[in-house]
Amino acid sequence: MKNLPKKEFIPPERGILLHRLEVELQKKTKEKYRVSPKKILERSLRKFCALLLLKQLRKQMDQPINNWAPRSRFHEFYLGEDELGRDVMAELAKYIELVKSRGLHVHTVVVLGSRAKQRHKPHSDVDLLVIGDNSPKGLRKLLFFSDWPIIIGTQVIACTRDEFLRWLEELSLVAVDSMYYGKVILDDGFWSMAKARFENIERTYQLRKKRLIERMRAV
């Protein structure tokens, strides 16, 4: 009797995790094409503040950043300009320095969304994944990651290294999207380890990489 080839083991939770990811994708896709009053208000306020209120406050922020660390990659990517003609990457470098000055120990910063996928418009937000320590909780977290007085429309998802690795294991939308489309602009070495972890997850769950990349393109 011939020996039958062994079937590769697929964890039983694979179907549940992929279904959850698909639900997140559908929800995010719907949100993308829905312009909410909140979004319109945010954009209008951002433009108003940048034009009329921040000239004096921004003077010190407008000085060139000459002390970028070797681990930064601000010069490697172009994220376009905002509605005021400002280079978004240059403003983003200032924002990261601002958050670090508030006490955040930054490990990795990844640009997500339309800016990372090069289909942005001048009024597009700057979606960021910030992996670091010492981040406050609750309402204080919202204030902590505020981009005042730069006002470039940052939308921040913040987590610790352990939290991000757990999101990878759970096939969270933000984690998978960051693996396939994220632009890493600051890193202390953590991202290489996270990438290796995700490659192992891809093999374990036998993910259809090409299909996932295509699905992620829309969000």
C-alpha atoms as a PDB file:
ATOM      1  CA  MET A   1       0.000   0.000   0.000  1.00  0.00           C
ATOM      2  CA  LYS A   2       1.436   3.322  -1.086  1.00  0.00           C
ATOM      3  CA  ASN A   3       2.166   5.933   1.529  1.00  0.00           C
ATOM      4  CA  LEU A   4      -0.161   8.892   1.064  1.00  0.00           C
ATOM      5  CA  PRO A   5       1.436  12.334   1.286  1.00  0.00           C
ATOM      6  CA  LYS A   6       0.928  14.000   4.621  1.00  0.00           C
ATOM      7  CA  LYS A   7      -1.494  16.891   4.617  1.00  0.00           C
ATOM      8  CA  GLU A   8      -0.021  20.106   5.938  1.00  0.00           C
ATOM      9  CA  PHE A   9      -1.609  21.061   9.239  1.00  0.00           C
ATOM     10  CA  ILE A  10      -3.674  24.247   9.178  1.00  0.00           C
ATOM     11  CA  PRO A  11      -4.655  25.693  12.569  1.00  0.00           C
ATOM     12  CA  PRO A  12      -8.437  25.503  13.101  1.00  0.00           C
ATOM     13  CA  GLU A  13      -8.643  29.198  14.024  1.00  0.00           C
ATOM     14  CA  ARG A  14      -7.509  30.200  10.526  1.00  0.00           C
ATOM     15  CA  GLY A  15     -11.064  30.448   9.187  1.00  0.00           C
ATOM     16  CA  ILE A  16     -12.242  32.536  12.137  1.00  0.00           C
ATOM     17  CA  LEU A  17      -9.321  34.972  11.858  1.00  0.00           C
ATOM     18  CA  LEU A  18      -9.703  35.383   8.097  1.00  0.00           C
ATOM     19  CA  HIS A  19     -13.455  35.940   8.446  1.00  0.00           C
ATOM     20  CA  ARG A  20     -12.821  38.628  11.076  1.00  0.00           C
ATOM     21  CA  LEU A  21     -10.264  40.265   8.776  1.00  0.00           C
ATOM     22  CA  GLU A  22     -12.735  40.274   5.887  1.00  0.00           C
ATOM     23  CA  VAL A  23     -15.386  41.923   8.072  1.00  0.00           C
ATOM     24  CA  GLU A  24     -12.870  44.625   9.061  1.00  0.00           C
ATOM     25  CA  LEU A  25     -11.976  45.147   5.399  1.00  0.00           C
ATOM     26  CA  GLN A  26     -15.587  45.588   4.345  1.00  0.00           C
ATOM     27  CA  LYS A  27     -16.242  48.036   7.180  1.00  0.00           C
ATOM     28  CA  LYS A  28     -13.113  50.059   6.381  1.00  0.00           C
ATOM     29  CA  THR A  29     -13.983  50.153   2.674  1.00  0.00           C
ATOM     30  CA  LYS A  30     -17.444  51.563   3.422  1.00  0.00           C
ATOM     31  CA  GLU A  31     -15.975  54.198   5.743  1.00  0.00           C
ATOM     32  CA  LYS A  32     -13.482  55.240   3.071  1.00  0.00           C
ATOM     33  CA  TYR A  33     -16.191  56.264   0.627  1.00  0.00           C
ATOM     34  CA  ARG A  34     -18.394  57.941   3.229  1.00  0.00           C
ATOM     35  CA  VAL A  35     -17.607  61.606   3.899  1.00  0.00           C
ATOM     36  CA  SER A  36     -18.856  62.274   7.403  1.00  0.00           C
ATOM     37  CA  PRO A  37     -19.655  65.742   8.842  1.00  0.00           C
ATOM     38  CA  LYS A  38     -16.915  65.077  11.409  1.00  0.00           C
ATOM     39  CA  LYS A  39     -14.342  64.587   8.650  1.00  0.00           C
ATOM     40  CA  ILE A  40     -15.426  67.754   6.847  1.00  0.00           C
ATOM     41  CA  LEU A  41     -15.230  69.720  10.110  1.00  0.00           C
ATOM     42  CA  GLU A  42     -11.752  68.356  10.878  1.00  0.00           C
ATOM     43  CA  ARG A  43     -10.422  69.334   7.461  1.00  0.00           C
ATOM     44  CA  SER A  44     -11.971  72.802   7.587  1.00  0.00           C
ATOM     45  CA  LEU A  45     -10.634  73.427  11.089  1.00  0.00           C
ATOM     46  CA  ARG A  46      -7.185  72.195  10.099  1.00  0.00           C
ATOM     47  CA  LYS A  47      -6.997  74.568   7.165  1.00  0.00           C
ATOM     48  CA  PHE A  48      -8.381  77.501   9.161  1.00  0.00           C
ATOM     49  CA  CYS A  49      -5.917  76.994  12.017  1.00  0.00           C
ATOM     50  CA  ALA A  50      -2.922  76.566   9.743  1.00  0.00           C
ATOM     51  CA  LEU A  51      -3.779  79.675   7.739  1.00  0.00           C
ATOM     52  CA  LEU A  52      -4.808  82.144  10.432  1.00  0.00           C
ATOM     53  CA  LEU A  53      -3.835  81.094  13.943  1.00  0.00           C
ATOM     54  CA  LEU A  54      -0.469  79.387  13.919  1.00  0.00           C
ATOM     55  CA  LYS A  55       2.007  81.786  12.325  1.00  0.00           C
ATOM     56  CA  GLN A  56       3.685  82.736  15.586  1.00  0.00           C
ATOM     57  CA  LEU A  57       3.374  79.320  17.245  1.00  0.00           C
ATOM     58  CA  ARG A  58       4.917  77.595  14.240  1.00  0.00           C
ATOM     59  CA  LYS A  59       8.066  79.733  14.010  1.00  0.00           C
ATOM     60  CA  GLN A  60      10.170  77.376  16.085  1.00  0.00           C
ATOM     61  CA  MET A  61       8.555  74.330  14.472  1.00  0.00           C
ATOM     62  CA  ASP A  62       9.532  75.586  11.014  1.00  0.00           C
ATOM     63  CA  GLN A  63      13.256  75.378  11.750  1.00  0.00           C
ATOM     64  CA  PRO A  64      14.919  72.581   9.746  1.00  0.00           C
ATOM     65  CA  ILE A  65      15.334  69.272  11.554  1.00  0.00           C
ATOM     66  CA  ASN A  66      19.081  68.616  11.318  1.00  0.00           C
ATOM     67  CA  ASN A  67      19.408  65.990  14.040  1.00  0.00           C
ATOM     68  CA  TRP A  68      17.523  63.128  12.415  1.00  0.00           C
ATOM     69  CA  ALA A  69      18.838  59.838  13.758  1.00  0.00           C
ATOM     70  CA  PRO A  70      20.407  57.274  11.389  1.00  0.00           C
ATOM     71  CA  ARG A  71      17.427  54.970  11.958  1.00  0.00           C
ATOM     72  CA  SER A  72      15.059  57.526  10.405  1.00  0.00           C
ATOM     73  CA  ARG A  73      14.052  57.283   6.745  1.00  0.00           C
ATOM     74  CA  PHE A  74      12.425  60.673   6.241  1.00  0.00           C
ATOM     75  CA  HIS A  75      14.392  61.294   3.055  1.00  0.00           C
ATOM     76  CA  GLU A  76      13.399  58.002   1.403  1.00  0.00           C
ATOM     77  CA  PHE A  77       9.695  58.586   0.804  1.00  0.00           C
ATOM     78  CA  TYR A  78       7.565  61.303  -0.711  1.00  0.00           C
ATOM     79  CA  LEU A  79       4.125  61.664   0.848  1.00  0.00           C
ATOM     80  CA  GLY A  80       2.957  64.615  -1.217  1.00  0.00           C
ATOM     81  CA  GLU A  81       1.899  68.080  -0.093  1.00  0.00           C
ATOM     82  CA  ASP A  82      -1.040  69.243   1.995  1.00  0.00           C
ATOM     83  CA  GLU A  83      -3.629  71.891   1.082  1.00  0.00           C
ATOM     84  CA  LEU A  84      -1.189  74.648   2.054  1.00  0.00           C
ATOM     85  CA  GLY A  85       1.601  73.347  -0.157  1.00  0.00           C
ATOM     86  CA  ARG A  86       3.650  72.005   2.762  1.00  0.00           C
ATOM     87  CA  ASP A  87       5.762  68.892   2.284  1.00  0.00           C
ATOM     88  CA  VAL A  88       3.969  66.287   4.396  1.00  0.00           C
ATOM     89  CA  MET A  89       7.115  64.267   5.167  1.00  0.00           C
ATOM     90  CA  ALA A  90       8.932  67.345   6.460  1.00  0.00           C
ATOM     91  CA  GLU A  91       5.959  68.208   8.668  1.00  0.00           C
ATOM     92  CA  LEU A  92       5.741  64.603   9.803  1.00  0.00           C
ATOM     93  CA  ALA A  93       9.369  64.677  10.941  1.00  0.00           C
ATOM     94  CA  LYS A  94       8.502  67.671  13.125  1.00  0.00           C
ATOM     95  CA  TYR A  95       5.445  65.878  14.471  1.00  0.00           C
ATOM     96  CA  ILE A  96       7.490  62.859  15.543  1.00  0.00           C
ATOM     97  CA  GLU A  97       9.971  65.107  17.322  1.00  0.00           C
ATOM     98  CA  LEU A  98       7.010  66.781  19.026  1.00  0.00           C
ATOM     99  CA  VAL A  99       5.595  63.462  20.279  1.00  0.00           C
ATOM    100  CA  LYS A 100       9.031  62.331  21.473  1.00  0.00           C
ATOM    101  CA  SER A 101       9.380  65.589  23.407  1.00  0.00           C
ATOM    102  CA  ARG A 102       6.155  64.671  25.252  1.00  0.00           C
ATOM    103  CA  GLY A 103       7.836  61.552  26.642  1.00  0.00           C
ATOM    104  CA  LEU A 104       7.084  58.801  24.137  1.00  0.00           C
ATOM    105  CA  HIS A 105       9.833  56.221  23.654  1.00  0.00           C
ATOM    106  CA  VAL A 106       9.394  55.563  19.940  1.00  0.00           C
ATOM    107  CA  HIS A 107      10.401  52.215  18.432  1.00  0.00           C
ATOM    108  CA  THR A 108       8.743  52.318  15.012  1.00  0.00           C
ATOM    109  CA  VAL A 109       6.623  54.722  12.980  1.00  0.00           C
ATOM    110  CA  VAL A 110       4.771  53.484   9.896  1.00  0.00           C
ATOM    111  CA  VAL A 111       2.736  55.541   7.416  1.00  0.00           C
ATOM    112  CA  LEU A 112      -0.501  53.842   6.344  1.00  0.00           C
ATOM    113  CA  GLY A 113      -3.519  54.654   4.191  1.00  0.00           C
ATOM    114  CA  SER A 114      -3.630  56.737   1.039  1.00  0.00           C
ATOM    115  CA  ARG A 115      -0.323  58.499   1.737  1.00  0.00           C
ATOM    116  CA  ALA A 116       1.494  55.147   1.874  1.00  0.00           C
ATOM    117  CA  LYS A 117      -0.307  53.809  -1.200  1.00  0.00           C
ATOM    118  CA  GLN A 118       0.405  56.936  -3.246  1.00  0.00           C
ATOM    119  CA  ARG A 119      -3.248  57.700  -4.000  1.00  0.00           C
ATOM    120  CA  HIS A 120      -3.594  60.655  -1.657  1.00  0.00           C
ATOM    121  CA  LYS A 121      -5.044  64.089  -2.287  1.00  0.00           C
ATOM    122  CA  PRO A 122      -3.841  67.359  -0.733  1.00  0.00           C
ATOM    123  CA  HIS A 123      -6.576  67.179   1.930  1.00  0.00           C
ATOM    124  CA  SER A 124      -5.861  63.515   2.809  1.00  0.00           C
ATOM    125  CA  ASP A 125      -5.137  62.661   6.435  1.00  0.00           C
ATOM    126  CA  VAL A 126      -1.794  61.242   7.522  1.00  0.00           C
ATOM    127  CA  ASP A 127      -2.521  57.780   8.930  1.00  0.00           C
ATOM    128  CA  LEU A 128       0.207  56.604  11.296  1.00  0.00           C
ATOM    129  CA  LEU A 129       1.022  53.474  13.241  1.00  0.00           C
ATOM    130  CA  VAL A 130       3.204  54.500  16.184  1.00  0.00           C
ATOM    131  CA  ILE A 131       4.814  51.692  18.174  1.00  0.00           C
ATOM    132  CA  GLY A 132       6.315  52.895  21.418  1.00  0.00           C
ATOM    133  CA  ASP A 133       6.313  52.948  25.206  1.00  0.00           C
ATOM    134  CA  ASN A 134       5.044  55.413  27.828  1.00  0.00           C
ATOM    135  CA  SER A 135       1.847  56.231  25.940  1.00  0.00           C
ATOM    136  CA  PRO A 136      -0.993  57.442  28.208  1.00  0.00           C
ATOM    137  CA  LYS A 137      -4.475  55.922  28.206  1.00  0.00           C
ATOM    138  CA  GLY A 138      -7.953  57.233  27.586  1.00  0.00           C
ATOM    139  CA  LEU A 139      -8.571  60.902  26.806  1.00  0.00           C
ATOM    140  CA  ARG A 140      -4.993  61.793  27.699  1.00  0.00           C
ATOM    141  CA  LYS A 141      -3.840  59.558  24.849  1.00  0.00           C
ATOM    142  CA  LEU A 142      -5.881  61.615  22.377  1.00  0.00           C
ATOM    143  CA  LEU A 143      -4.268  64.837  23.605  1.00  0.00           C
ATOM    144  CA  PHE A 144      -0.829  63.221  23.776  1.00  0.00           C
ATOM    145  CA  PHE A 145      -0.844  62.392  20.045  1.00  0.00           C
ATOM    146  CA  SER A 146      -2.397  65.691  18.968  1.00  0.00           C
ATOM    147  CA  ASP A 147      -0.490  67.320  16.097  1.00  0.00           C
ATOM    148  CA  TRP A 148      -0.929  70.848  17.502  1.00  0.00           C
ATOM    149  CA  PRO A 149       0.657  73.233  16.568  1.00  0.00           C
ATOM    150  CA  ILE A 150       1.702  71.580  13.283  1.00  0.00           C
ATOM    151  CA  ILE A 151      -1.812  70.631  12.119  1.00  0.00           C
ATOM    152  CA  ILE A 152      -1.225  68.111   9.326  1.00  0.00           C
ATOM    153  CA  GLY A 153      -4.191  65.845  10.013  1.00  0.00           C
ATOM    154  CA  THR A 154      -2.485  62.932  11.733  1.00  0.00           C
ATOM    155  CA  GLN A 155      -4.696  59.938  12.532  1.00  0.00           C
ATOM    156  CA  VAL A 156      -2.655  57.840  14.969  1.00  0.00           C
ATOM    157  CA  ILE A 157      -2.982  54.204  15.949  1.00  0.00           C
ATOM    158  CA  ALA A 158      -0.615  53.719  18.894  1.00  0.00           C
ATOM    159  CA  CYS A 159       0.476  50.484  20.533  1.00  0.00           C
ATOM    160  CA  THR A 160       3.375  48.793  22.292  1.00  0.00           C
ATOM    161  CA  ARG A 161       5.602  46.172  20.654  1.00  0.00           C
ATOM    162  CA  ASP A 162       3.791  43.345  22.466  1.00  0.00           C
ATOM    163  CA  GLU A 163       0.409  44.678  21.396  1.00  0.00           C
ATOM    164  CA  PHE A 164       1.485  44.873  17.765  1.00  0.00           C
ATOM    165  CA  LEU A 165       2.820  41.312  17.775  1.00  0.00           C
ATOM    166  CA  ARG A 166      -0.506  40.179  19.212  1.00  0.00           C
ATOM    167  CA  TRP A 167      -2.320  42.044  16.420  1.00  0.00           C
ATOM    168  CA  LEU A 168      -0.202  40.126  13.922  1.00  0.00           C
ATOM    169  CA  GLU A 169      -1.183  36.817  15.493  1.00  0.00           C
ATOM    170  CA  GLU A 170      -4.831  37.887  15.360  1.00  0.00           C
ATOM    171  CA  LEU A 171      -4.524  39.022  11.705  1.00  0.00           C
ATOM    172  CA  SER A 172      -5.733  42.480  12.679  1.00  0.00           C
ATOM    173  CA  LEU A 173      -6.453  44.734   9.692  1.00  0.00           C
ATOM    174  CA  VAL A 174      -4.010  47.459  10.737  1.00  0.00           C
ATOM    175  CA  ALA A 175      -1.227  44.914  11.324  1.00  0.00           C
ATOM    176  CA  VAL A 176      -1.699  43.093   8.008  1.00  0.00           C
ATOM    177  CA  ASP A 177      -2.052  46.370   6.095  1.00  0.00           C
ATOM    178  CA  SER A 178       1.151  47.704   7.639  1.00  0.00           C
ATOM    179  CA  MET A 179       3.020  44.547   6.607  1.00  0.00           C
ATOM    180  CA  TYR A 180       1.977  44.787   2.957  1.00  0.00           C
ATOM    181  CA  TYR A 181       1.696  48.535   2.359  1.00  0.00           C
ATOM    182  CA  GLY A 182       3.166  50.397   5.324  1.00  0.00           C
ATOM    183  CA  LYS A 183       6.051  52.829   4.784  1.00  0.00           C
ATOM    184  CA  VAL A 184       8.461  52.579   7.710  1.00  0.00           C
ATOM    185  CA  ILE A 185       9.949  56.025   8.338  1.00  0.00           C
ATOM    186  CA  LEU A 186      11.494  55.402  11.760  1.00  0.00           C
ATOM    187  CA  ASP A 187      12.661  52.138  13.315  1.00  0.00           C
ATOM    188  CA  ASP A 188      15.072  50.850  15.948  1.00  0.00           C
ATOM    189  CA  GLY A 189      15.196  47.283  14.614  1.00  0.00           C
ATOM    190  CA  PHE A 190      11.818  46.054  15.832  1.00  0.00           C
ATOM    191  CA  TRP A 191      10.272  45.987  12.345  1.00  0.00           C
ATOM    192  CA  SER A 192      12.635  43.285  11.042  1.00  0.00           C
ATOM    193  CA  MET A 193      11.580  41.030  13.893  1.00  0.00           C
ATOM    194  CA  ALA A 194       7.891  41.779  13.266  1.00  0.00           C
ATOM    195  CA  LYS A 195       8.339  41.032   9.547  1.00  0.00           C
ATOM    196  CA  ALA A 196       9.927  37.661  10.346  1.00  0.00           C
ATOM    197  CA  ARG A 197       7.069  36.874  12.720  1.00  0.00           C
ATOM    198  CA  PHE A 198       4.504  37.709  10.046  1.00  0.00           C
ATOM    199  CA  GLU A 199       6.257  35.558   7.430  1.00  0.00           C
ATOM    200  CA  ASN A 200       5.950  32.642   9.843  1.00  0.00           C
ATOM    201  CA  ILE A 201       2.241  33.428  10.315  1.00  0.00           C
ATOM    202  CA  GLU A 202       1.774  33.475   6.533  1.00  0.00           C
ATOM    203  CA  ARG A 203       3.233  29.969   6.305  1.00  0.00           C
ATOM    204  CA  THR A 204       1.347  28.633   9.318  1.00  0.00           C
ATOM    205  CA  TYR A 205      -2.061  29.853   8.127  1.00  0.00           C
ATOM    206  CA  GLN A 206      -1.228  29.344   4.435  1.00  0.00           C
ATOM    207  CA  LEU A 207      -2.381  32.868   3.629  1.00  0.00           C
ATOM    208  CA  ARG A 208      -3.135  33.751   0.030  1.00  0.00           C
ATOM    209  CA  LYS A 209      -0.710  36.638  -0.140  1.00  0.00           C
ATOM    210  CA  LYS A 210      -1.617  37.972  -3.588  1.00  0.00           C
ATOM    211  CA  ARG A 211      -5.321  38.040  -2.758  1.00  0.00           C
ATOM    212  CA  LEU A 212      -4.724  39.788   0.563  1.00  0.00           C
ATOM    213  CA  ILE A 213      -2.492  42.409  -1.058  1.00  0.00           C
ATOM    214  CA  GLU A 214      -5.184  43.113  -3.638  1.00  0.00           C
ATOM    215  CA  ARG A 215      -7.893  43.388  -0.960  1.00  0.00           C
ATOM    216  CA  MET A 216      -5.736  45.683   1.166  1.00  0.00           C
ATOM    217  CA  ARG A 217      -5.165  48.050  -1.744  1.00  0.00           C
ATOM    218  CA  ALA A 218      -8.682  49.448  -1.403  1.00  0.00           C
ATOM    219  CA  VAL A 219      -8.406  50.593   2.237  1.00  0.00           C
END
